[in-house]
Amino acid sequence: MKLESISRALRRIVSNEPEFQHLTDKDDRDEIKTSTTHPDYGEYAYVRYTPGKPIEIIPTNSKTFRKRLERIEKMNAERLRIEKLREEDDKQLWFFKGLTRYNAEDKLKIRGCIEGSFLITTNPNQRKEYAFRLTLFYVSKTSSGIVRPKTIVWFNNERPHKYAIREVKQKFENLTSLVRYLIDNKIQIDGVTLVDIFQPGRWPEYMY
């Protein structure tokens, strides 16, 4: 350990300073210049910049800084929560992206066209203004096993985005919670109760 590091450690123990190594500047000859110490010896600094006005440094031990830091931490926590909601949807075996109606029918028919079997897919024509973002395809209550579409309403102006279906009045934060509610409460869609046929191990791997 360098003498400089030992000296710094001793000063920190005696003065009870936070364990924080200040930044140092180097010139072209790699000569270390005098380090700059923040007035309140904090580990963070909040700089407020408004165009046309001088840069304002908010002391890290101030109430303004603590409020700003709390706000950032809440925003990060909410962002992580939303990411987990989206990740939960992506893991569902009944969730697909960009399937046409023909593709959706094929995936349900090769699994026997079981009444109430379903899948959800994003619309393959997202760029069209009239296209809905999400569709639930399900096998209707008929002897021929007709596959019917059901629009899932997407509230993209809310954060996190909400999803809803005509048969249920409430909104859901992700598709997984919507599907779980429909199945657990046996909510009927045009007389049909949804059945999850995409459970792991039910079909050969190539069918997923």
N, C-alpha and C. Protein backbone atom coordinates (compact mmCIF):
# COMPACT_ATOMS: atom_id res chain seq x y z
N MET A 1 0.85 -1.20 0.00
CA MET A 1 0.00 0.00 0.00
C MET A 1 0.88 1.24 0.00
N LYS A 2 0.53 2.23 -0.80
CA LYS A 2 1.29 3.46 -0.88
C LYS A 2 1.11 4.27 0.41
N LEU A 3 2.17 5.11 0.72
CA LEU A 3 2.08 5.95 1.90
C LEU A 3 0.91 6.91 1.80
N GLU A 4 0.64 7.34 0.57
CA GLU A 4 -0.47 8.28 0.37
C GLU A 4 -1.80 7.65 0.77
N SER A 5 -1.99 6.37 0.42
CA SER A 5 -3.23 5.67 0.74
C SER A 5 -3.36 5.47 2.24
N ILE A 6 -2.24 5.13 2.91
CA ILE A 6 -2.28 4.94 4.36
C ILE A 6 -2.62 6.26 5.05
N SER A 7 -2.01 7.32 4.58
CA SER A 7 -2.28 8.64 5.17
C SER A 7 -3.74 9.01 5.00
N ARG A 8 -4.28 8.74 3.82
CA ARG A 8 -5.69 9.07 3.58
C ARG A 8 -6.60 8.25 4.48
N ALA A 9 -6.26 6.96 4.66
CA ALA A 9 -7.07 6.09 5.51
C ALA A 9 -7.07 6.55 6.94
N LEU A 10 -5.87 6.96 7.44
CA LEU A 10 -5.77 7.44 8.81
C LEU A 10 -6.58 8.71 9.02
N ARG A 11 -6.51 9.63 8.03
CA ARG A 11 -7.29 10.86 8.15
C ARG A 11 -8.78 10.56 8.18
N ARG A 12 -9.21 9.56 7.39
CA ARG A 12 -10.63 9.22 7.35
C ARG A 12 -11.10 8.65 8.68
N ILE A 13 -10.26 7.81 9.30
CA ILE A 13 -10.63 7.21 10.59
C ILE A 13 -10.73 8.27 11.67
N VAL A 14 -9.74 9.19 11.69
CA VAL A 14 -9.70 10.21 12.73
C VAL A 14 -10.81 11.23 12.55
N SER A 15 -11.01 11.67 11.31
CA SER A 15 -12.00 12.73 11.06
C SER A 15 -13.39 12.19 10.76
N ASN A 16 -13.52 10.83 10.68
CA ASN A 16 -14.81 10.20 10.40
C ASN A 16 -15.38 10.65 9.05
N GLU A 17 -14.52 10.83 8.07
CA GLU A 17 -14.95 11.19 6.73
C GLU A 17 -15.48 9.96 6.03
N PRO A 18 -16.41 10.10 5.08
CA PRO A 18 -16.92 8.95 4.32
C PRO A 18 -15.81 8.35 3.47
N GLU A 19 -15.92 7.03 3.24
CA GLU A 19 -14.91 6.34 2.45
C GLU A 19 -15.13 6.64 0.97
N PHE A 20 -14.51 7.70 0.52
CA PHE A 20 -14.72 8.16 -0.85
C PHE A 20 -13.43 8.74 -1.38
N GLN A 21 -12.96 8.20 -2.51
CA GLN A 21 -11.73 8.69 -3.10
C GLN A 21 -12.07 9.76 -4.11
N HIS A 22 -11.54 10.95 -3.90
CA HIS A 22 -11.85 12.05 -4.77
C HIS A 22 -11.21 11.87 -6.14
N LEU A 23 -11.86 12.44 -7.15
CA LEU A 23 -11.34 12.37 -8.50
C LEU A 23 -10.09 13.23 -8.63
N THR A 24 -9.17 12.80 -9.46
CA THR A 24 -7.97 13.58 -9.72
C THR A 24 -7.85 13.83 -11.20
N ASP A 25 -7.24 14.93 -11.58
CA ASP A 25 -7.05 15.28 -12.98
C ASP A 25 -5.62 14.98 -13.39
N LYS A 26 -5.43 14.62 -14.67
CA LYS A 26 -4.10 14.37 -15.20
C LYS A 26 -3.89 15.24 -16.43
N ASP A 27 -2.67 15.76 -16.57
CA ASP A 27 -2.37 16.53 -17.77
C ASP A 27 -1.68 15.61 -18.78
N ASP A 28 -1.22 16.17 -19.88
CA ASP A 28 -0.63 15.37 -20.95
C ASP A 28 0.62 14.62 -20.50
N ARG A 29 1.32 15.13 -19.47
CA ARG A 29 2.53 14.49 -18.99
C ARG A 29 2.24 13.52 -17.84
N ASP A 30 0.95 13.22 -17.63
CA ASP A 30 0.53 12.30 -16.58
C ASP A 30 0.96 12.74 -15.20
N GLU A 31 1.10 14.04 -15.02
CA GLU A 31 1.41 14.55 -13.69
C GLU A 31 0.11 14.80 -12.94
N ILE A 32 -0.05 14.21 -11.77
CA ILE A 32 -1.30 14.33 -11.02
C ILE A 32 -1.40 15.71 -10.42
N LYS A 33 -2.51 16.37 -10.74
CA LYS A 33 -2.76 17.70 -10.19
C LYS A 33 -3.44 17.57 -8.83
N THR A 34 -3.58 18.67 -8.14
CA THR A 34 -4.23 18.67 -6.83
C THR A 34 -5.69 18.26 -6.98
N SER A 35 -6.13 17.29 -6.16
CA SER A 35 -7.51 16.83 -6.24
C SER A 35 -8.46 17.89 -5.72
N THR A 36 -9.68 17.84 -6.27
CA THR A 36 -10.70 18.81 -5.87
C THR A 36 -11.64 18.17 -4.87
N THR A 37 -11.85 18.77 -3.73
CA THR A 37 -12.72 18.22 -2.69
C THR A 37 -14.04 18.98 -2.67
N HIS A 38 -15.13 18.22 -2.72
CA HIS A 38 -16.44 18.84 -2.66
C HIS A 38 -16.65 19.45 -1.28
N PRO A 39 -17.26 20.62 -1.20
CA PRO A 39 -17.39 21.34 0.09
C PRO A 39 -17.99 20.52 1.22
N ASP A 40 -18.98 19.65 0.92
CA ASP A 40 -19.60 18.91 2.01
C ASP A 40 -19.12 17.46 2.08
N TYR A 41 -18.07 17.14 1.33
CA TYR A 41 -17.43 15.82 1.36
C TYR A 41 -18.40 14.69 1.03
N GLY A 42 -19.45 14.96 0.27
CA GLY A 42 -20.40 13.92 -0.08
C GLY A 42 -19.92 13.08 -1.25
N GLU A 43 -20.54 11.91 -1.43
CA GLU A 43 -20.16 11.03 -2.53
C GLU A 43 -20.88 11.42 -3.82
N TYR A 44 -21.98 12.17 -3.73
CA TYR A 44 -22.76 12.53 -4.90
C TYR A 44 -22.89 14.05 -4.99
N ALA A 45 -23.13 14.51 -6.19
CA ALA A 45 -23.37 15.93 -6.40
C ALA A 45 -24.49 16.06 -7.42
N TYR A 46 -25.43 16.96 -7.17
CA TYR A 46 -26.55 17.19 -8.06
C TYR A 46 -26.36 18.57 -8.69
N VAL A 47 -26.25 18.58 -10.00
CA VAL A 47 -26.04 19.82 -10.73
C VAL A 47 -27.31 20.14 -11.51
N ARG A 48 -27.85 21.31 -11.27
CA ARG A 48 -29.05 21.75 -11.97
C ARG A 48 -28.66 22.74 -13.06
N TYR A 49 -29.04 22.41 -14.30
CA TYR A 49 -28.69 23.28 -15.43
C TYR A 49 -29.94 23.76 -16.13
N THR A 50 -30.05 25.07 -16.25
CA THR A 50 -31.14 25.70 -16.99
C THR A 50 -30.52 26.55 -18.10
N PRO A 51 -30.93 26.31 -19.36
CA PRO A 51 -30.34 27.08 -20.47
C PRO A 51 -30.42 28.59 -20.22
N GLY A 52 -29.29 29.27 -20.41
CA GLY A 52 -29.25 30.71 -20.23
C GLY A 52 -28.95 31.15 -18.82
N LYS A 53 -28.83 30.18 -17.89
CA LYS A 53 -28.57 30.52 -16.49
C LYS A 53 -27.31 29.81 -16.02
N PRO A 54 -26.67 30.33 -14.97
CA PRO A 54 -25.46 29.67 -14.45
C PRO A 54 -25.78 28.28 -13.91
N ILE A 55 -24.80 27.39 -13.97
CA ILE A 55 -24.97 26.05 -13.41
C ILE A 55 -25.08 26.15 -11.89
N GLU A 56 -26.08 25.46 -11.35
CA GLU A 56 -26.32 25.50 -9.91
C GLU A 56 -25.94 24.16 -9.29
N ILE A 57 -25.04 24.18 -8.34
CA ILE A 57 -24.62 22.97 -7.63
C ILE A 57 -25.43 22.84 -6.35
N ILE A 58 -26.15 21.75 -6.23
CA ILE A 58 -26.97 21.50 -5.05
C ILE A 58 -26.15 20.70 -4.04
N PRO A 59 -25.90 21.21 -2.84
CA PRO A 59 -25.12 20.47 -1.83
C PRO A 59 -25.76 19.12 -1.53
N THR A 60 -24.92 18.11 -1.40
CA THR A 60 -25.45 16.76 -1.21
C THR A 60 -26.08 16.53 0.15
N ASN A 61 -25.87 17.43 1.07
CA ASN A 61 -26.51 17.27 2.37
C ASN A 61 -27.76 18.15 2.51
N SER A 62 -28.25 18.65 1.37
CA SER A 62 -29.40 19.55 1.40
C SER A 62 -30.71 18.79 1.21
N LYS A 63 -31.79 19.41 1.60
CA LYS A 63 -33.12 18.81 1.46
C LYS A 63 -33.48 18.66 -0.01
N THR A 64 -33.09 19.62 -0.83
CA THR A 64 -33.37 19.56 -2.27
C THR A 64 -32.72 18.35 -2.91
N PHE A 65 -31.47 18.09 -2.55
CA PHE A 65 -30.76 16.95 -3.11
C PHE A 65 -31.41 15.64 -2.67
N ARG A 66 -31.76 15.54 -1.39
CA ARG A 66 -32.35 14.30 -0.89
C ARG A 66 -33.68 14.02 -1.56
N LYS A 67 -34.49 15.05 -1.82
CA LYS A 67 -35.76 14.86 -2.51
C LYS A 67 -35.54 14.38 -3.94
N ARG A 68 -34.55 15.00 -4.59
CA ARG A 68 -34.23 14.61 -5.97
C ARG A 68 -33.76 13.17 -6.03
N LEU A 69 -32.92 12.77 -5.08
CA LEU A 69 -32.41 11.41 -5.04
C LEU A 69 -33.53 10.41 -4.79
N GLU A 70 -34.45 10.74 -3.90
CA GLU A 70 -35.59 9.86 -3.62
C GLU A 70 -36.46 9.70 -4.86
N ARG A 71 -36.63 10.79 -5.60
CA ARG A 71 -37.44 10.73 -6.82
C ARG A 71 -36.79 9.82 -7.86
N ILE A 72 -35.47 9.93 -8.01
CA ILE A 72 -34.76 9.08 -8.97
C ILE A 72 -34.85 7.61 -8.57
N GLU A 73 -34.72 7.34 -7.27
CA GLU A 73 -34.81 5.96 -6.79
C GLU A 73 -36.19 5.37 -7.02
N LYS A 74 -37.24 6.18 -6.82
CA LYS A 74 -38.60 5.70 -7.08
C LYS A 74 -38.82 5.44 -8.56
N MET A 75 -38.29 6.32 -9.42
CA MET A 75 -38.42 6.13 -10.86
C MET A 75 -37.71 4.86 -11.31
N ASN A 76 -36.53 4.60 -10.77
CA ASN A 76 -35.80 3.39 -11.13
C ASN A 76 -36.52 2.14 -10.65
N ALA A 77 -37.10 2.20 -9.44
CA ALA A 77 -37.84 1.05 -8.91
C ALA A 77 -39.07 0.75 -9.76
N GLU A 78 -39.77 1.80 -10.20
CA GLU A 78 -40.96 1.61 -11.04
C GLU A 78 -40.56 1.07 -12.41
N ARG A 79 -39.45 1.55 -12.95
CA ARG A 79 -38.98 1.06 -14.24
C ARG A 79 -38.66 -0.43 -14.17
N LEU A 80 -38.01 -0.86 -13.09
CA LEU A 80 -37.69 -2.27 -12.92
C LEU A 80 -38.96 -3.11 -12.77
N ARG A 81 -39.95 -2.56 -12.06
CA ARG A 81 -41.22 -3.29 -11.88
C ARG A 81 -41.92 -3.50 -13.22
N ILE A 82 -41.91 -2.46 -14.06
CA ILE A 82 -42.55 -2.55 -15.38
C ILE A 82 -41.80 -3.55 -16.26
N GLU A 83 -40.48 -3.54 -16.18
CA GLU A 83 -39.69 -4.49 -16.96
C GLU A 83 -40.03 -5.93 -16.57
N LYS A 84 -40.23 -6.18 -15.27
CA LYS A 84 -40.58 -7.52 -14.82
C LYS A 84 -41.96 -7.94 -15.33
N LEU A 85 -42.89 -6.99 -15.41
CA LEU A 85 -44.21 -7.29 -15.95
C LEU A 85 -44.11 -7.73 -17.41
N ARG A 86 -43.30 -7.00 -18.20
CA ARG A 86 -43.13 -7.34 -19.61
C ARG A 86 -42.39 -8.68 -19.76
N GLU A 87 -41.39 -8.91 -18.92
CA GLU A 87 -40.65 -10.17 -18.97
C GLU A 87 -41.55 -11.36 -18.65
N GLU A 88 -42.48 -11.15 -17.73
CA GLU A 88 -43.41 -12.23 -17.37
C GLU A 88 -44.26 -12.61 -18.57
N ASP A 89 -44.70 -11.63 -19.35
CA ASP A 89 -45.47 -11.91 -20.57
C ASP A 89 -44.63 -12.67 -21.59
N ASP A 90 -43.40 -12.23 -21.79
CA ASP A 90 -42.54 -12.84 -22.80
C ASP A 90 -42.25 -14.30 -22.50
N LYS A 91 -42.34 -14.70 -21.22
CA LYS A 91 -42.05 -16.09 -20.85
C LYS A 91 -43.23 -17.03 -21.08
N GLN A 92 -44.41 -16.48 -21.30
CA GLN A 92 -45.60 -17.30 -21.46
C GLN A 92 -45.59 -18.03 -22.81
N LEU A 93 -45.86 -19.33 -22.78
CA LEU A 93 -45.82 -20.13 -24.00
C LEU A 93 -47.00 -19.83 -24.93
N TRP A 94 -48.06 -19.21 -24.40
CA TRP A 94 -49.21 -18.88 -25.24
C TRP A 94 -49.07 -17.49 -25.88
N PHE A 95 -47.97 -16.81 -25.62
CA PHE A 95 -47.77 -15.47 -26.16
C PHE A 95 -46.82 -15.52 -27.34
N PHE A 96 -47.28 -14.98 -28.47
CA PHE A 96 -46.49 -14.97 -29.70
C PHE A 96 -46.43 -13.54 -30.23
N LYS A 97 -45.50 -13.34 -31.16
CA LYS A 97 -45.34 -12.02 -31.76
C LYS A 97 -45.46 -12.10 -33.28
N GLY A 98 -46.35 -11.27 -33.81
CA GLY A 98 -46.46 -11.13 -35.25
C GLY A 98 -47.13 -12.28 -35.98
N LEU A 99 -47.98 -13.07 -35.32
CA LEU A 99 -48.67 -14.16 -36.02
C LEU A 99 -49.83 -13.62 -36.85
N THR A 100 -49.99 -14.14 -38.05
CA THR A 100 -51.19 -13.86 -38.83
C THR A 100 -52.32 -14.75 -38.31
N ARG A 101 -53.52 -14.49 -38.76
CA ARG A 101 -54.64 -15.33 -38.33
C ARG A 101 -54.43 -16.78 -38.78
N TYR A 102 -53.89 -16.96 -39.98
CA TYR A 102 -53.63 -18.30 -40.48
C TYR A 102 -52.63 -19.03 -39.58
N ASN A 103 -51.54 -18.34 -39.19
CA ASN A 103 -50.54 -18.95 -38.31
C ASN A 103 -51.13 -19.31 -36.96
N ALA A 104 -51.98 -18.41 -36.42
CA ALA A 104 -52.60 -18.66 -35.13
C ALA A 104 -53.53 -19.88 -35.19
N GLU A 105 -54.33 -19.96 -36.25
CA GLU A 105 -55.23 -21.11 -36.42
C GLU A 105 -54.43 -22.40 -36.52
N ASP A 106 -53.33 -22.36 -37.24
CA ASP A 106 -52.51 -23.55 -37.43
C ASP A 106 -51.96 -24.05 -36.10
N LYS A 107 -51.47 -23.13 -35.26
CA LYS A 107 -50.90 -23.53 -33.97
C LYS A 107 -51.94 -24.15 -33.05
N LEU A 108 -53.18 -23.69 -33.15
CA LEU A 108 -54.25 -24.25 -32.31
C LEU A 108 -54.78 -25.56 -32.89
N LYS A 109 -54.85 -25.66 -34.22
CA LYS A 109 -55.41 -26.87 -34.84
C LYS A 109 -54.48 -28.06 -34.70
N ILE A 110 -53.16 -27.85 -34.76
CA ILE A 110 -52.25 -28.99 -34.63
C ILE A 110 -52.23 -29.52 -33.21
N ARG A 111 -52.83 -28.78 -32.29
CA ARG A 111 -52.94 -29.25 -30.91
C ARG A 111 -54.34 -29.77 -30.62
N GLY A 112 -55.10 -30.07 -31.66
CA GLY A 112 -56.39 -30.72 -31.51
C GLY A 112 -57.59 -29.82 -31.51
N CYS A 113 -57.40 -28.51 -31.66
CA CYS A 113 -58.52 -27.57 -31.65
C CYS A 113 -59.42 -27.80 -30.44
N ILE A 114 -58.80 -27.88 -29.28
CA ILE A 114 -59.56 -28.11 -28.04
C ILE A 114 -60.39 -26.88 -27.73
N GLU A 115 -61.65 -27.10 -27.38
CA GLU A 115 -62.55 -25.97 -27.09
C GLU A 115 -61.98 -25.12 -25.95
N GLY A 116 -61.88 -23.83 -26.19
CA GLY A 116 -61.36 -22.91 -25.19
C GLY A 116 -59.86 -22.71 -25.26
N SER A 117 -59.16 -23.51 -26.08
CA SER A 117 -57.72 -23.31 -26.22
C SER A 117 -57.48 -21.96 -26.90
N PHE A 118 -56.36 -21.33 -26.59
CA PHE A 118 -56.16 -19.96 -27.05
C PHE A 118 -54.68 -19.64 -27.17
N LEU A 119 -54.41 -18.53 -27.78
CA LEU A 119 -53.09 -17.92 -27.78
C LEU A 119 -53.29 -16.42 -27.98
N ILE A 120 -52.27 -15.65 -27.62
CA ILE A 120 -52.31 -14.19 -27.81
C ILE A 120 -51.11 -13.81 -28.66
N THR A 121 -51.34 -12.94 -29.61
CA THR A 121 -50.25 -12.51 -30.48
C THR A 121 -50.32 -11.01 -30.74
N THR A 122 -49.16 -10.43 -30.97
CA THR A 122 -49.14 -9.05 -31.43
C THR A 122 -49.53 -9.04 -32.89
N ASN A 123 -50.06 -7.93 -33.36
CA ASN A 123 -50.51 -7.84 -34.74
C ASN A 123 -49.31 -7.72 -35.68
N PRO A 124 -49.28 -8.49 -36.77
CA PRO A 124 -48.14 -8.40 -37.70
C PRO A 124 -48.09 -7.10 -38.49
N ASN A 125 -49.19 -6.33 -38.47
CA ASN A 125 -49.24 -5.08 -39.23
C ASN A 125 -49.28 -3.88 -38.29
N GLN A 126 -48.28 -3.77 -37.42
CA GLN A 126 -48.28 -2.73 -36.40
C GLN A 126 -48.23 -1.33 -37.00
N ARG A 127 -47.68 -1.17 -38.20
CA ARG A 127 -47.52 0.17 -38.76
C ARG A 127 -48.84 0.76 -39.25
N LYS A 128 -49.82 -0.07 -39.46
CA LYS A 128 -51.10 0.43 -39.93
C LYS A 128 -51.87 1.04 -38.77
N GLU A 129 -52.38 2.22 -38.96
CA GLU A 129 -53.06 2.93 -37.88
C GLU A 129 -54.32 2.21 -37.42
N TYR A 130 -54.98 1.50 -38.35
CA TYR A 130 -56.24 0.85 -37.98
C TYR A 130 -56.02 -0.50 -37.33
N ALA A 131 -54.79 -1.00 -37.34
CA ALA A 131 -54.52 -2.34 -36.81
C ALA A 131 -54.49 -2.31 -35.28
N PHE A 132 -55.13 -3.32 -34.67
CA PHE A 132 -55.08 -3.45 -33.22
C PHE A 132 -53.75 -4.09 -32.83
N ARG A 133 -53.27 -3.75 -31.66
CA ARG A 133 -51.95 -4.21 -31.24
C ARG A 133 -51.94 -5.67 -30.84
N LEU A 134 -52.98 -6.14 -30.14
CA LEU A 134 -53.00 -7.49 -29.62
C LEU A 134 -54.32 -8.19 -29.93
N THR A 135 -54.22 -9.48 -30.23
CA THR A 135 -55.42 -10.27 -30.52
C THR A 135 -55.34 -11.60 -29.78
N LEU A 136 -56.45 -12.00 -29.17
CA LEU A 136 -56.58 -13.31 -28.56
C LEU A 136 -57.34 -14.20 -29.53
N PHE A 137 -56.71 -15.27 -29.97
CA PHE A 137 -57.38 -16.26 -30.83
C PHE A 137 -57.77 -17.44 -29.97
N TYR A 138 -59.03 -17.88 -30.09
CA TYR A 138 -59.51 -18.99 -29.27
C TYR A 138 -60.40 -19.90 -30.10
N VAL A 139 -60.51 -21.16 -29.66
CA VAL A 139 -61.36 -22.13 -30.34
C VAL A 139 -62.76 -22.01 -29.76
N SER A 140 -63.73 -21.72 -30.63
CA SER A 140 -65.10 -21.48 -30.19
C SER A 140 -65.83 -22.78 -29.86
N LYS A 141 -67.01 -22.61 -29.30
CA LYS A 141 -67.82 -23.75 -28.86
C LYS A 141 -68.64 -24.28 -30.04
N THR A 142 -67.95 -24.94 -30.95
CA THR A 142 -68.63 -25.53 -32.11
C THR A 142 -68.02 -26.89 -32.39
N SER A 143 -68.76 -27.74 -33.08
CA SER A 143 -68.25 -29.07 -33.40
C SER A 143 -67.09 -29.01 -34.38
N SER A 144 -67.04 -27.95 -35.20
CA SER A 144 -65.98 -27.84 -36.19
C SER A 144 -64.73 -27.17 -35.63
N GLY A 145 -64.81 -26.65 -34.42
CA GLY A 145 -63.65 -26.03 -33.80
C GLY A 145 -63.18 -24.80 -34.52
N ILE A 146 -64.07 -23.85 -34.74
CA ILE A 146 -63.70 -22.62 -35.44
C ILE A 146 -62.85 -21.74 -34.54
N VAL A 147 -61.78 -21.20 -35.10
CA VAL A 147 -60.91 -20.29 -34.35
C VAL A 147 -61.41 -18.87 -34.55
N ARG A 148 -61.67 -18.19 -33.46
CA ARG A 148 -62.20 -16.83 -33.54
C ARG A 148 -61.22 -15.83 -32.89
N PRO A 149 -61.23 -14.60 -33.38
CA PRO A 149 -60.36 -13.57 -32.79
C PRO A 149 -61.10 -12.74 -31.74
N LYS A 150 -60.38 -12.26 -30.78
CA LYS A 150 -60.93 -11.36 -29.77
C LYS A 150 -59.90 -10.25 -29.53
N THR A 151 -60.34 -9.02 -29.71
CA THR A 151 -59.42 -7.89 -29.55
C THR A 151 -59.12 -7.63 -28.08
N ILE A 152 -57.86 -7.45 -27.78
CA ILE A 152 -57.43 -7.03 -26.44
C ILE A 152 -57.14 -5.53 -26.51
N VAL A 153 -57.84 -4.77 -25.71
CA VAL A 153 -57.66 -3.31 -25.72
C VAL A 153 -56.37 -2.96 -25.02
N TRP A 154 -55.57 -2.13 -25.66
CA TRP A 154 -54.27 -1.74 -25.13
C TRP A 154 -54.30 -0.26 -24.79
N PHE A 155 -54.18 0.08 -23.52
CA PHE A 155 -54.17 1.48 -23.07
C PHE A 155 -52.72 1.96 -23.00
N ASN A 156 -52.19 2.40 -24.14
CA ASN A 156 -50.77 2.77 -24.18
C ASN A 156 -50.51 4.17 -23.66
N ASN A 157 -51.55 4.90 -23.26
CA ASN A 157 -51.35 6.23 -22.69
C ASN A 157 -51.22 6.18 -21.17
N GLU A 158 -51.29 5.00 -20.60
CA GLU A 158 -51.13 4.83 -19.16
C GLU A 158 -49.76 4.21 -18.88
N ARG A 159 -49.27 4.46 -17.69
CA ARG A 159 -47.98 3.89 -17.30
C ARG A 159 -48.11 3.21 -15.95
N PRO A 160 -47.85 1.89 -15.87
CA PRO A 160 -47.53 1.06 -17.02
C PRO A 160 -48.74 0.87 -17.92
N HIS A 161 -48.49 0.40 -19.15
CA HIS A 161 -49.59 0.17 -20.08
C HIS A 161 -50.58 -0.82 -19.48
N LYS A 162 -51.85 -0.61 -19.75
CA LYS A 162 -52.90 -1.49 -19.23
C LYS A 162 -53.54 -2.27 -20.38
N TYR A 163 -54.10 -3.43 -20.01
CA TYR A 163 -54.77 -4.28 -20.98
C TYR A 163 -56.16 -4.62 -20.46
N ALA A 164 -57.09 -4.76 -21.38
CA ALA A 164 -58.47 -5.08 -20.98
C ALA A 164 -59.16 -5.85 -22.09
N ILE A 165 -60.25 -6.49 -21.71
CA ILE A 165 -61.07 -7.23 -22.67
C ILE A 165 -62.53 -6.92 -22.36
N ARG A 166 -63.37 -6.99 -23.36
CA ARG A 166 -64.76 -6.53 -23.20
C ARG A 166 -65.50 -7.26 -22.09
N GLU A 167 -65.20 -8.55 -21.89
CA GLU A 167 -65.92 -9.34 -20.90
C GLU A 167 -65.59 -8.97 -19.45
N VAL A 168 -64.53 -8.23 -19.24
CA VAL A 168 -64.11 -7.84 -17.89
C VAL A 168 -63.95 -6.33 -17.85
N LYS A 169 -64.50 -5.69 -16.82
CA LYS A 169 -64.48 -4.23 -16.75
C LYS A 169 -63.14 -3.68 -16.28
N GLN A 170 -62.40 -4.43 -15.50
CA GLN A 170 -61.16 -3.90 -14.95
C GLN A 170 -59.99 -4.00 -15.93
N LYS A 171 -58.92 -3.22 -15.66
CA LYS A 171 -57.72 -3.22 -16.48
C LYS A 171 -56.62 -4.01 -15.77
N PHE A 172 -55.67 -4.52 -16.57
CA PHE A 172 -54.59 -5.33 -16.03
C PHE A 172 -53.25 -4.78 -16.51
N GLU A 173 -52.23 -4.90 -15.63
CA GLU A 173 -50.93 -4.32 -15.94
C GLU A 173 -50.12 -5.15 -16.92
N ASN A 174 -50.45 -6.41 -17.09
CA ASN A 174 -49.81 -7.20 -18.13
C ASN A 174 -50.75 -8.30 -18.60
N LEU A 175 -50.38 -8.98 -19.68
CA LEU A 175 -51.25 -10.00 -20.26
C LEU A 175 -51.36 -11.22 -19.35
N THR A 176 -50.29 -11.52 -18.64
CA THR A 176 -50.30 -12.68 -17.75
C THR A 176 -51.38 -12.56 -16.68
N SER A 177 -51.48 -11.39 -16.07
CA SER A 177 -52.51 -11.20 -15.04
C SER A 177 -53.91 -11.22 -15.64
N LEU A 178 -54.06 -10.74 -16.88
CA LEU A 178 -55.35 -10.78 -17.56
C LEU A 178 -55.78 -12.21 -17.82
N VAL A 179 -54.90 -13.01 -18.39
CA VAL A 179 -55.21 -14.41 -18.70
C VAL A 179 -55.47 -15.20 -17.43
N ARG A 180 -54.66 -14.97 -16.41
CA ARG A 180 -54.83 -15.69 -15.15
C ARG A 180 -56.21 -15.39 -14.55
N TYR A 181 -56.64 -14.13 -14.64
CA TYR A 181 -57.94 -13.76 -14.11
C TYR A 181 -59.06 -14.45 -14.90
N LEU A 182 -58.93 -14.47 -16.22
CA LEU A 182 -59.96 -15.10 -17.06
C LEU A 182 -60.10 -16.59 -16.75
N ILE A 183 -58.96 -17.28 -16.60
CA ILE A 183 -58.99 -18.73 -16.36
C ILE A 183 -59.45 -19.04 -14.93
N ASP A 184 -58.87 -18.35 -13.95
CA ASP A 184 -59.19 -18.65 -12.55
C ASP A 184 -60.66 -18.39 -12.23
N ASN A 185 -61.22 -17.35 -12.86
CA ASN A 185 -62.61 -16.99 -12.59
C ASN A 185 -63.59 -17.56 -13.63
N LYS A 186 -63.05 -18.41 -14.53
CA LYS A 186 -63.87 -19.07 -15.55
C LYS A 186 -64.75 -18.07 -16.31
N ILE A 187 -64.15 -16.94 -16.67
CA ILE A 187 -64.86 -15.93 -17.45
C ILE A 187 -65.09 -16.46 -18.86
N GLN A 188 -66.32 -16.45 -19.29
CA GLN A 188 -66.64 -16.99 -20.61
C GLN A 188 -66.53 -15.92 -21.69
N ILE A 189 -65.95 -16.33 -22.81
CA ILE A 189 -65.86 -15.47 -23.99
C ILE A 189 -66.72 -16.10 -25.07
N ASP A 190 -67.84 -15.47 -25.35
CA ASP A 190 -68.81 -16.02 -26.30
C ASP A 190 -69.19 -17.46 -25.95
N GLY A 191 -69.38 -17.69 -24.65
CA GLY A 191 -69.82 -19.00 -24.19
C GLY A 191 -68.71 -20.01 -23.98
N VAL A 192 -67.45 -19.59 -24.10
CA VAL A 192 -66.31 -20.51 -23.99
C VAL A 192 -65.42 -20.10 -22.83
N THR A 193 -64.98 -21.06 -22.02
CA THR A 193 -64.03 -20.83 -20.94
C THR A 193 -62.63 -21.17 -21.45
N LEU A 194 -61.70 -20.29 -21.26
CA LEU A 194 -60.35 -20.49 -21.79
C LEU A 194 -59.62 -21.63 -21.09
N VAL A 195 -58.82 -22.35 -21.87
CA VAL A 195 -58.03 -23.47 -21.37
C VAL A 195 -56.60 -23.28 -21.86
N ASP A 196 -55.63 -23.31 -20.95
CA ASP A 196 -54.23 -23.16 -21.34
C ASP A 196 -53.68 -24.50 -21.80
N ILE A 197 -53.44 -24.64 -23.10
CA ILE A 197 -52.93 -25.90 -23.65
C ILE A 197 -51.42 -25.86 -23.89
N PHE A 198 -50.80 -24.75 -23.49
CA PHE A 198 -49.37 -24.59 -23.76
C PHE A 198 -48.51 -24.87 -22.53
N GLN A 199 -49.03 -25.65 -21.57
CA GLN A 199 -48.20 -25.95 -20.40
C GLN A 199 -46.97 -26.74 -20.81
N PRO A 200 -45.84 -26.49 -20.15
CA PRO A 200 -44.61 -27.22 -20.47
C PRO A 200 -44.78 -28.73 -20.34
N GLY A 201 -44.26 -29.46 -21.31
CA GLY A 201 -44.30 -30.92 -21.26
C GLY A 201 -45.54 -31.55 -21.86
N ARG A 202 -46.52 -30.74 -22.23
CA ARG A 202 -47.75 -31.31 -22.77
C ARG A 202 -47.57 -31.76 -24.22
N TRP A 203 -46.73 -31.06 -24.96
CA TRP A 203 -46.52 -31.35 -26.37
C TRP A 203 -45.04 -31.54 -26.65
N PRO A 204 -44.70 -32.17 -27.78
CA PRO A 204 -43.28 -32.27 -28.17
C PRO A 204 -42.67 -30.88 -28.28
N GLU A 205 -41.37 -30.80 -28.06
CA GLU A 205 -40.69 -29.51 -28.00
C GLU A 205 -40.86 -28.70 -29.29
N TYR A 206 -40.89 -29.38 -30.44
CA TYR A 206 -40.98 -28.66 -31.71
C TYR A 206 -42.33 -27.95 -31.89
N MET A 207 -43.33 -28.27 -31.06
CA MET A 207 -44.65 -27.67 -31.20
C MET A 207 -44.79 -26.38 -30.41
N TYR A 208 -43.74 -25.96 -29.71
CA TYR A 208 -43.83 -24.72 -28.92
C TYR A 208 -43.23 -23.55 -29.69
